[in-house]
Amino acid sequence: AKADTSGIVKIIWKNNKEKDLFGYKIYRANYEHEEYSQITTGFVKDSIYYDTIEVNSLTENVYYKIVALDKHYNPSVFSKPFVMKRPDII
């Protein structure tokens, strides 16, 4: 994941190879060990997603997790959290 100074985040991950893959849900948190909130309203079909974050924040990082779902809506376990450094504009 990488963010520009306007707060647009581009998240890219390795696509799952399962034939019954339906899509992904993406979750975000400001701290690694807090509860993650789902940021997708539907299912992401590709392995790329654009998010928008607040850049006027003293929180240094943003954390993301991804869940894959099959065609029966069975979720995978959460991915390991990955950290994205917030742009330093303050």
PDB file of N, CA and C in Angstrom:
ATOM      1  N   ALA A   1       0.848  -1.186   0.000  1.00  0.00           N
ATOM      2  CA  ALA A   1       0.000   0.000   0.000  1.00  0.00           C
ATOM      3  C   ALA A   1       0.883   1.235   0.000  1.00  0.00           C
ATOM      4  N   LYS A   2       0.426   2.245  -0.719  1.00  0.00           N
ATOM      5  CA  LYS A   2       1.166   3.494  -0.795  1.00  0.00           C
ATOM      6  C   LYS A   2       0.165   4.636  -0.905  1.00  0.00           C
ATOM      7  N   ALA A   3       0.437   5.733  -0.185  1.00  0.00           N
ATOM      8  CA  ALA A   3      -0.459   6.884  -0.192  1.00  0.00           C
ATOM      9  C   ALA A   3       0.229   8.098  -0.779  1.00  0.00           C
ATOM     10  N   ASP A   4      -0.545   8.933  -1.462  1.00  0.00           N
ATOM     11  CA  ASP A   4       0.005  10.206  -1.917  1.00  0.00           C
ATOM     12  C   ASP A   4      -0.342  11.281  -0.883  1.00  0.00           C
ATOM     13  N   THR A   5       0.117  12.488  -1.095  1.00  0.00           N
ATOM     14  CA  THR A   5      -0.058  13.552  -0.100  1.00  0.00           C
ATOM     15  C   THR A   5      -1.507  14.040   0.014  1.00  0.00           C
ATOM     16  N   SER A   6      -2.364  13.675  -0.922  1.00  0.00           N
ATOM     17  CA  SER A   6      -3.778  14.044  -0.818  1.00  0.00           C
ATOM     18  C   SER A   6      -4.591  12.997  -0.053  1.00  0.00           C
ATOM     19  N   GLY A   7      -3.975  11.869   0.312  1.00  0.00           N
ATOM     20  CA  GLY A   7      -4.651  10.835   1.088  1.00  0.00           C
ATOM     21  C   GLY A   7      -5.224   9.697   0.277  1.00  0.00           C
ATOM     22  N   ILE A   8      -4.921   9.633  -1.006  1.00  0.00           N
ATOM     23  CA  ILE A   8      -5.365   8.509  -1.842  1.00  0.00           C
ATOM     24  C   ILE A   8      -4.383   7.361  -1.662  1.00  0.00           C
ATOM     25  N   VAL A   9      -4.908   6.215  -1.252  1.00  0.00           N
ATOM     26  CA  VAL A   9      -4.090   5.033  -0.986  1.00  0.00           C
ATOM     27  C   VAL A   9      -4.357   3.998  -2.075  1.00  0.00           C
ATOM     28  N   LYS A  10      -3.304   3.468  -2.643  1.00  0.00           N
ATOM     29  CA  LYS A  10      -3.415   2.386  -3.619  1.00  0.00           C
ATOM     30  C   LYS A  10      -2.911   1.118  -2.951  1.00  0.00           C
ATOM     31  N   ILE A  11      -3.793   0.134  -2.838  1.00  0.00           N
ATOM     32  CA  ILE A  11      -3.464  -1.147  -2.194  1.00  0.00           C
ATOM     33  C   ILE A  11      -3.437  -2.221  -3.282  1.00  0.00           C
ATOM     34  N   ILE A  12      -2.336  -2.943  -3.362  1.00  0.00           N
ATOM     35  CA  ILE A  12      -2.198  -4.033  -4.323  1.00  0.00           C
ATOM     36  C   ILE A  12      -1.745  -5.276  -3.566  1.00  0.00           C
ATOM     37  N   TRP A  13      -2.354  -6.409  -3.872  1.00  0.00           N
ATOM     38  CA  TRP A  13      -1.964  -7.660  -3.228  1.00  0.00           C
ATOM     39  C   TRP A  13      -1.949  -8.779  -4.261  1.00  0.00           C
ATOM     40  N   LYS A  14      -1.354  -9.889  -3.870  1.00  0.00           N
ATOM     41  CA  LYS A  14      -1.271 -11.054  -4.749  1.00  0.00           C
ATOM     42  C   LYS A  14      -2.645 -11.719  -4.815  1.00  0.00           C
ATOM     43  N   ASN A  15      -3.125 -11.945  -6.010  1.00  0.00           N
ATOM     44  CA  ASN A  15      -4.445 -12.530  -6.229  1.00  0.00           C
ATOM     45  C   ASN A  15      -4.470 -14.005  -5.817  1.00  0.00           C
ATOM     46  N   ASN A  16      -5.561 -14.437  -5.188  1.00  0.00           N
ATOM     47  CA  ASN A  16      -5.728 -15.852  -4.843  1.00  0.00           C
ATOM     48  C   ASN A  16      -5.922 -16.667  -6.118  1.00  0.00           C
ATOM     49  N   LYS A  17      -5.565 -17.938  -6.071  1.00  0.00           N
ATOM     50  CA  LYS A  17      -5.634 -18.804  -7.253  1.00  0.00           C
ATOM     51  C   LYS A  17      -6.823 -19.766  -7.222  1.00  0.00           C
ATOM     52  N   GLU A  18      -7.616 -19.779  -6.155  1.00  0.00           N
ATOM     53  CA  GLU A  18      -8.739 -20.701  -6.054  1.00  0.00           C
ATOM     54  C   GLU A  18      -9.761 -20.435  -7.161  1.00  0.00           C
ATOM     55  N   LYS A  19     -10.295 -21.492  -7.727  1.00  0.00           N
ATOM     56  CA  LYS A  19     -11.266 -21.357  -8.814  1.00  0.00           C
ATOM     57  C   LYS A  19     -12.604 -20.813  -8.328  1.00  0.00           C
ATOM     58  N   ASP A  20     -12.924 -21.008  -7.048  1.00  0.00           N
ATOM     59  CA  ASP A  20     -14.209 -20.540  -6.539  1.00  0.00           C
ATOM     60  C   ASP A  20     -14.098 -19.196  -5.805  1.00  0.00           C
ATOM     61  N   LEU A  21     -13.044 -18.444  -6.064  1.00  0.00           N
ATOM     62  CA  LEU A  21     -12.872 -17.132  -5.451  1.00  0.00           C
ATOM     63  C   LEU A  21     -13.966 -16.185  -5.939  1.00  0.00           C
ATOM     64  N   PHE A  22     -14.648 -15.540  -4.999  1.00  0.00           N
ATOM     65  CA  PHE A  22     -15.690 -14.587  -5.348  1.00  0.00           C
ATOM     66  C   PHE A  22     -15.186 -13.147  -5.276  1.00  0.00           C
ATOM     67  N   GLY A  23     -14.416 -12.854  -4.237  1.00  0.00           N
ATOM     68  CA  GLY A  23     -13.917 -11.497  -4.086  1.00  0.00           C
ATOM     69  C   GLY A  23     -13.241 -11.299  -2.745  1.00  0.00           C
ATOM     70  N   TYR A  24     -13.001 -10.038  -2.414  1.00  0.00           N
ATOM     71  CA  TYR A  24     -12.280  -9.689  -1.187  1.00  0.00           C
ATOM     72  C   TYR A  24     -13.033  -8.610  -0.421  1.00  0.00           C
ATOM     73  N   LYS A  25     -12.806  -8.576   0.874  1.00  0.00           N
ATOM     74  CA  LYS A  25     -13.229  -7.479   1.732  1.00  0.00           C
ATOM     75  C   LYS A  25     -11.965  -6.902   2.364  1.00  0.00           C
ATOM     76  N   ILE A  26     -11.940  -5.599   2.532  1.00  0.00           N
ATOM     77  CA  ILE A  26     -10.755  -4.932   3.059  1.00  0.00           C
ATOM     78  C   ILE A  26     -11.115  -4.208   4.346  1.00  0.00           C
ATOM     79  N   TYR A  27     -10.212  -4.313   5.314  1.00  0.00           N
ATOM     80  CA  TYR A  27     -10.411  -3.741   6.653  1.00  0.00           C
ATOM     81  C   TYR A  27      -9.246  -2.815   6.978  1.00  0.00           C
ATOM     82  N   ARG A  28      -9.534  -1.787   7.799  1.00  0.00           N
ATOM     83  CA  ARG A  28      -8.519  -0.791   8.131  1.00  0.00           C
ATOM     84  C   ARG A  28      -8.593  -0.446   9.615  1.00  0.00           C
ATOM     85  N   ALA A  29      -7.418  -0.081  10.177  1.00  0.00           N
ATOM     86  CA  ALA A  29      -7.330   0.397  11.558  1.00  0.00           C
ATOM     87  C   ALA A  29      -6.188   1.399  11.646  1.00  0.00           C
ATOM     88  N   ASN A  30      -6.239   2.248  12.660  1.00  0.00           N
ATOM     89  CA  ASN A  30      -5.154   3.214  12.892  1.00  0.00           C
ATOM     90  C   ASN A  30      -4.044   2.639  13.750  1.00  0.00           C
ATOM     91  N   TYR A  31      -4.356   1.559  14.460  1.00  0.00           N
ATOM     92  CA  TYR A  31      -3.367   0.895  15.318  1.00  0.00           C
ATOM     93  C   TYR A  31      -3.457  -0.599  15.063  1.00  0.00           C
ATOM     94  N   GLU A  32      -2.332  -1.275  15.089  1.00  0.00           N
ATOM     95  CA  GLU A  32      -2.283  -2.697  14.719  1.00  0.00           C
ATOM     96  C   GLU A  32      -3.177  -3.583  15.571  1.00  0.00           C
ATOM     97  N   HIS A  33      -3.290  -3.291  16.853  1.00  0.00           N
ATOM     98  CA  HIS A  33      -4.012  -4.198  17.750  1.00  0.00           C
ATOM     99  C   HIS A  33      -5.402  -3.707  18.128  1.00  0.00           C
ATOM    100  N   GLU A  34      -5.935  -2.707  17.414  1.00  0.00           N
ATOM    101  CA  GLU A  34      -7.311  -2.294  17.655  1.00  0.00           C
ATOM    102  C   GLU A  34      -8.236  -3.054  16.714  1.00  0.00           C
ATOM    103  N   GLU A  35      -9.538  -2.886  16.894  1.00  0.00           N
ATOM    104  CA  GLU A  35     -10.493  -3.555  16.020  1.00  0.00           C
ATOM    105  C   GLU A  35     -10.449  -2.917  14.630  1.00  0.00           C
ATOM    106  N   TYR A  36     -10.421  -3.759  13.608  1.00  0.00           N
ATOM    107  CA  TYR A  36     -10.382  -3.288  12.229  1.00  0.00           C
ATOM    108  C   TYR A  36     -11.810  -3.081  11.730  1.00  0.00           C
ATOM    109  N   SER A  37     -12.017  -2.028  10.959  1.00  0.00           N
ATOM    110  CA  SER A  37     -13.328  -1.724  10.385  1.00  0.00           C
ATOM    111  C   SER A  37     -13.319  -2.050   8.906  1.00  0.00           C
ATOM    112  N   GLN A  38     -14.417  -2.635   8.440  1.00  0.00           N
ATOM    113  CA  GLN A  38     -14.519  -2.939   7.012  1.00  0.00           C
ATOM    114  C   GLN A  38     -14.680  -1.627   6.253  1.00  0.00           C
ATOM    115  N   ILE A  39     -13.878  -1.442   5.214  1.00  0.00           N
ATOM    116  CA  ILE A  39     -13.951  -0.205   4.431  1.00  0.00           C
ATOM    117  C   ILE A  39     -14.584  -0.432   3.069  1.00  0.00           C
ATOM    118  N   THR A  40     -14.779  -1.674   2.678  1.00  0.00           N
ATOM    119  CA  THR A  40     -15.435  -1.965   1.406  1.00  0.00           C
ATOM    120  C   THR A  40     -16.924  -2.158   1.656  1.00  0.00           C
ATOM    121  N   THR A  41     -17.746  -1.633   0.752  1.00  0.00           N
ATOM    122  CA  THR A  41     -19.188  -1.798   0.912  1.00  0.00           C
ATOM    123  C   THR A  41     -19.682  -3.068   0.239  1.00  0.00           C
ATOM    124  N   GLY A  42     -18.986  -3.510  -0.756  1.00  0.00           N
ATOM    125  CA  GLY A  42     -19.331  -4.742  -1.462  1.00  0.00           C
ATOM    126  C   GLY A  42     -18.122  -5.647  -1.481  1.00  0.00           C
ATOM    127  N   PHE A  43     -17.946  -6.315  -2.598  1.00  0.00           N
ATOM    128  CA  PHE A  43     -16.812  -7.208  -2.763  1.00  0.00           C
ATOM    129  C   PHE A  43     -15.874  -6.642  -3.812  1.00  0.00           C
ATOM    130  N   VAL A  44     -14.599  -6.699  -3.540  1.00  0.00           N
ATOM    131  CA  VAL A  44     -13.585  -6.275  -4.507  1.00  0.00           C
ATOM    132  C   VAL A  44     -13.239  -7.489  -5.339  1.00  0.00           C
ATOM    133  N   LYS A  45     -13.395  -7.389  -6.645  1.00  0.00           N
ATOM    134  CA  LYS A  45     -13.164  -8.534  -7.533  1.00  0.00           C
ATOM    135  C   LYS A  45     -11.723  -8.642  -7.999  1.00  0.00           C
ATOM    136  N   ASP A  46     -10.991  -7.539  -7.977  1.00  0.00           N
ATOM    137  CA  ASP A  46      -9.615  -7.521  -8.454  1.00  0.00           C
ATOM    138  C   ASP A  46      -8.675  -7.470  -7.254  1.00  0.00           C
ATOM    139  N   SER A  47      -7.382  -7.510  -7.488  1.00  0.00           N
ATOM    140  CA  SER A  47      -6.407  -7.460  -6.392  1.00  0.00           C
ATOM    141  C   SER A  47      -5.805  -6.063  -6.252  1.00  0.00           C
ATOM    142  N   ILE A  48      -6.648  -5.058  -6.484  1.00  0.00           N
ATOM    143  CA  ILE A  48      -6.239  -3.665  -6.314  1.00  0.00           C
ATOM    144  C   ILE A  48      -7.435  -2.906  -5.746  1.00  0.00           C
ATOM    145  N   TYR A  49      -7.150  -1.963  -4.850  1.00  0.00           N
ATOM    146  CA  TYR A  49      -8.219  -1.176  -4.230  1.00  0.00           C
ATOM    147  C   TYR A  49      -7.679   0.211  -3.907  1.00  0.00           C
ATOM    148  N   TYR A  50      -8.517   1.210  -4.079  1.00  0.00           N
ATOM    149  CA  TYR A  50      -8.149   2.582  -3.735  1.00  0.00           C
ATOM    150  C   TYR A  50      -8.939   3.006  -2.509  1.00  0.00           C
ATOM    151  N   ASP A  51      -8.242   3.517  -1.522  1.00  0.00           N
ATOM    152  CA  ASP A  51      -8.833   3.987  -0.280  1.00  0.00           C
ATOM    153  C   ASP A  51      -8.485   5.462  -0.120  1.00  0.00           C
ATOM    154  N   THR A  52      -9.203   6.154   0.740  1.00  0.00           N
ATOM    155  CA  THR A  52      -8.899   7.541   1.068  1.00  0.00           C
ATOM    156  C   THR A  52      -8.723   7.643   2.570  1.00  0.00           C
ATOM    157  N   ILE A  53      -7.625   8.240   2.999  1.00  0.00           N
ATOM    158  CA  ILE A  53      -7.351   8.407   4.418  1.00  0.00           C
ATOM    159  C   ILE A  53      -7.193   9.887   4.750  1.00  0.00           C
ATOM    160  N   GLU A  54      -7.322  10.199   6.010  1.00  0.00           N
ATOM    161  CA  GLU A  54      -7.090  11.553   6.507  1.00  0.00           C
ATOM    162  C   GLU A  54      -5.585  11.759   6.634  1.00  0.00           C
ATOM    163  N   VAL A  55      -5.066  12.793   5.998  1.00  0.00           N
ATOM    164  CA  VAL A  55      -3.625  13.040   6.073  1.00  0.00           C
ATOM    165  C   VAL A  55      -3.269  14.015   7.194  1.00  0.00           C
ATOM    166  N   ASN A  56      -4.228  14.799   7.651  1.00  0.00           N
ATOM    167  CA  ASN A  56      -3.988  15.727   8.762  1.00  0.00           C
ATOM    168  C   ASN A  56      -4.211  14.993  10.075  1.00  0.00           C
ATOM    169  N   SER A  57      -3.335  14.083  10.377  1.00  0.00           N
ATOM    170  CA  SER A  57      -3.450  13.237  11.558  1.00  0.00           C
ATOM    171  C   SER A  57      -2.070  13.031  12.168  1.00  0.00           C
ATOM    172  N   LEU A  58      -2.042  12.907  13.476  1.00  0.00           N
ATOM    173  CA  LEU A  58      -0.780  12.614  14.159  1.00  0.00           C
ATOM    174  C   LEU A  58      -0.514  11.113  14.222  1.00  0.00           C
ATOM    175  N   THR A  59      -1.489  10.307  13.808  1.00  0.00           N
ATOM    176  CA  THR A  59      -1.299   8.860  13.734  1.00  0.00           C
ATOM    177  C   THR A  59      -0.353   8.567  12.578  1.00  0.00           C
ATOM    178  N   GLU A  60       0.765   7.944  12.877  1.00  0.00           N
ATOM    179  CA  GLU A  60       1.830   7.774  11.896  1.00  0.00           C
ATOM    180  C   GLU A  60       1.527   6.729  10.828  1.00  0.00           C
ATOM    181  N   ASN A  61       0.801   5.667  11.184  1.00  0.00           N
ATOM    182  CA  ASN A  61       0.576   4.552  10.272  1.00  0.00           C
ATOM    183  C   ASN A  61      -0.903   4.238  10.125  1.00  0.00           C
ATOM    184  N   VAL A  62      -1.214   3.507   9.071  1.00  0.00           N
ATOM    185  CA  VAL A  62      -2.530   2.934   8.840  1.00  0.00           C
ATOM    186  C   VAL A  62      -2.305   1.451   8.595  1.00  0.00           C
ATOM    187  N   TYR A  63      -3.182   0.607   9.148  1.00  0.00           N
ATOM    188  CA  TYR A  63      -3.038  -0.843   9.028  1.00  0.00           C
ATOM    189  C   TYR A  63      -4.207  -1.411   8.231  1.00  0.00           C
ATOM    190  N   TYR A  64      -3.918  -2.384   7.402  1.00  0.00           N
ATOM    191  CA  TYR A  64      -4.929  -3.025   6.566  1.00  0.00           C
ATOM    192  C   TYR A  64      -4.869  -4.544   6.742  1.00  0.00           C
ATOM    193  N   LYS A  65      -6.044  -5.178   6.587  1.00  0.00           N
ATOM    194  CA  LYS A  65      -6.165  -6.631   6.501  1.00  0.00           C
ATOM    195  C   LYS A  65      -7.136  -6.940   5.373  1.00  0.00           C
ATOM    196  N   ILE A  66      -6.957  -8.108   4.767  1.00  0.00           N
ATOM    197  CA  ILE A  66      -7.821  -8.527   3.660  1.00  0.00           C
ATOM    198  C   ILE A  66      -8.391  -9.907   3.966  1.00  0.00           C
ATOM    199  N   VAL A  67      -9.657 -10.114   3.580  1.00  0.00           N
ATOM    200  CA  VAL A  67     -10.327 -11.407   3.704  1.00  0.00           C
ATOM    201  C   VAL A  67     -10.805 -11.808   2.314  1.00  0.00           C
ATOM    202  N   ALA A  68     -10.539 -13.036   1.915  1.00  0.00           N
ATOM    203  CA  ALA A  68     -11.040 -13.565   0.642  1.00  0.00           C
ATOM    204  C   ALA A  68     -12.335 -14.326   0.914  1.00  0.00           C
ATOM    205  N   LEU A  69     -13.243 -14.280  -0.039  1.00  0.00           N
ATOM    206  CA  LEU A  69     -14.506 -15.013   0.073  1.00  0.00           C
ATOM    207  C   LEU A  69     -14.690 -15.889  -1.148  1.00  0.00           C
ATOM    208  N   ASP A  70     -15.251 -17.094  -0.917  1.00  0.00           N
ATOM    209  CA  ASP A  70     -15.539 -17.961  -2.051  1.00  0.00           C
ATOM    210  C   ASP A  70     -16.956 -17.692  -2.553  1.00  0.00           C
ATOM    211  N   LYS A  71     -17.397 -18.423  -3.547  1.00  0.00           N
ATOM    212  CA  LYS A  71     -18.706 -18.179  -4.164  1.00  0.00           C
ATOM    213  C   LYS A  71     -19.880 -18.510  -3.253  1.00  0.00           C
ATOM    214  N   HIS A  72     -19.608 -19.170  -2.128  1.00  0.00           N
ATOM    215  CA  HIS A  72     -20.645 -19.435  -1.128  1.00  0.00           C
ATOM    216  C   HIS A  72     -20.546 -18.443   0.030  1.00  0.00           C
ATOM    217  N   TYR A  73     -19.732 -17.403  -0.148  1.00  0.00           N
ATOM    218  CA  TYR A  73     -19.502 -16.338   0.837  1.00  0.00           C
ATOM    219  C   TYR A  73     -18.782 -16.819   2.097  1.00  0.00           C
ATOM    220  N   ASN A  74     -18.085 -17.935   2.016  1.00  0.00           N
ATOM    221  CA  ASN A  74     -17.278 -18.402   3.134  1.00  0.00           C
ATOM    222  C   ASN A  74     -16.001 -17.564   3.191  1.00  0.00           C
ATOM    223  N   PRO A  75     -15.734 -16.919   4.333  1.00  0.00           N
ATOM    224  CA  PRO A  75     -14.544 -16.067   4.418  1.00  0.00           C
ATOM    225  C   PRO A  75     -13.293 -16.859   4.776  1.00  0.00           C
ATOM    226  N   SER A  76     -12.172 -16.364   4.310  1.00  0.00           N
ATOM    227  CA  SER A  76     -10.883 -16.895   4.748  1.00  0.00           C
ATOM    228  C   SER A  76     -10.563 -16.272   6.106  1.00  0.00           C
ATOM    229  N   VAL A  77      -9.462 -16.656   6.672  1.00  0.00           N
ATOM    230  CA  VAL A  77      -8.980 -15.958   7.860  1.00  0.00           C
ATOM    231  C   VAL A  77      -8.441 -14.609   7.402  1.00  0.00           C
ATOM    232  N   PHE A  78      -8.326 -13.667   8.333  1.00  0.00           N
ATOM    233  CA  PHE A  78      -7.753 -12.376   7.998  1.00  0.00           C
ATOM    234  C   PHE A  78      -6.297 -12.552   7.566  1.00  0.00           C
ATOM    235  N   SER A  79      -5.899 -11.752   6.621  1.00  0.00           N
ATOM    236  CA  SER A  79      -4.476 -11.727   6.269  1.00  0.00           C
ATOM    237  C   SER A  79      -3.708 -11.146   7.449  1.00  0.00           C
ATOM    238  N   LYS A  80      -2.421 -11.314   7.424  1.00  0.00           N
ATOM    239  CA  LYS A  80      -1.604 -10.633   8.423  1.00  0.00           C
ATOM    240  C   LYS A  80      -1.757  -9.140   8.180  1.00  0.00           C
ATOM    241  N   PRO A  81      -1.758  -8.338   9.231  1.00  0.00           N
ATOM    242  CA  PRO A  81      -1.890  -6.898   9.001  1.00  0.00           C
ATOM    243  C   PRO A  81      -0.676  -6.355   8.249  1.00  0.00           C
ATOM    244  N   PHE A  82      -0.925  -5.461   7.343  1.00  0.00           N
ATOM    245  CA  PHE A  82       0.194  -4.787   6.692  1.00  0.00           C
ATOM    246  C   PHE A  82       0.062  -3.294   6.948  1.00  0.00           C
ATOM    247  N   VAL A  83       1.204  -2.684   7.155  1.00  0.00           N
ATOM    248  CA  VAL A  83       1.270  -1.292   7.588  1.00  0.00           C
ATOM    249  C   VAL A  83       1.612  -0.386   6.415  1.00  0.00           C
ATOM    250  N   MET A  84       0.956   0.773   6.408  1.00  0.00           N
ATOM    251  CA  MET A  84       1.262   1.786   5.423  1.00  0.00           C
ATOM    252  C   MET A  84       1.562   3.075   6.180  1.00  0.00           C
ATOM    253  N   LYS A  85       2.678   3.664   5.877  1.00  0.00           N
ATOM    254  CA  LYS A  85       3.078   4.899   6.532  1.00  0.00           C
ATOM    255  C   LYS A  85       2.255   6.054   5.966  1.00  0.00           C
ATOM    256  N   ARG A  86       1.624   6.803   6.854  1.00  0.00           N
ATOM    257  CA  ARG A  86       0.815   7.951   6.453  1.00  0.00           C
ATOM    258  C   ARG A  86       1.733   9.063   5.946  1.00  0.00           C
ATOM    259  N   PRO A  87       1.365   9.777   4.879  1.00  0.00           N
ATOM    260  CA  PRO A  87       2.210  10.882   4.409  1.00  0.00           C
ATOM    261  C   PRO A  87       2.417  11.922   5.510  1.00  0.00           C
ATOM    262  N   ASP A  88       3.625  12.383   5.662  1.00  0.00           N
ATOM    263  CA  ASP A  88       3.954  13.359   6.708  1.00  0.00           C
ATOM    264  C   ASP A  88       3.818  14.765   6.137  1.00  0.00           C
ATOM    265  N   ILE A  89       2.646  15.366   6.364  1.00  0.00           N
ATOM    266  CA  ILE A  89       2.438  16.724   5.865  1.00  0.00           C
ATOM    267  C   ILE A  89       2.217  17.723   7.001  1.00  0.00           C
ATOM    268  N   ILE A  90       2.222  17.241   8.243  1.00  0.00           N
ATOM    269  CA  ILE A  90       2.011  18.126   9.408  1.00  0.00           C
ATOM    270  C   ILE A  90       3.346  18.693   9.852  1.00  0.00           C
TER     271      ILE A  90
END
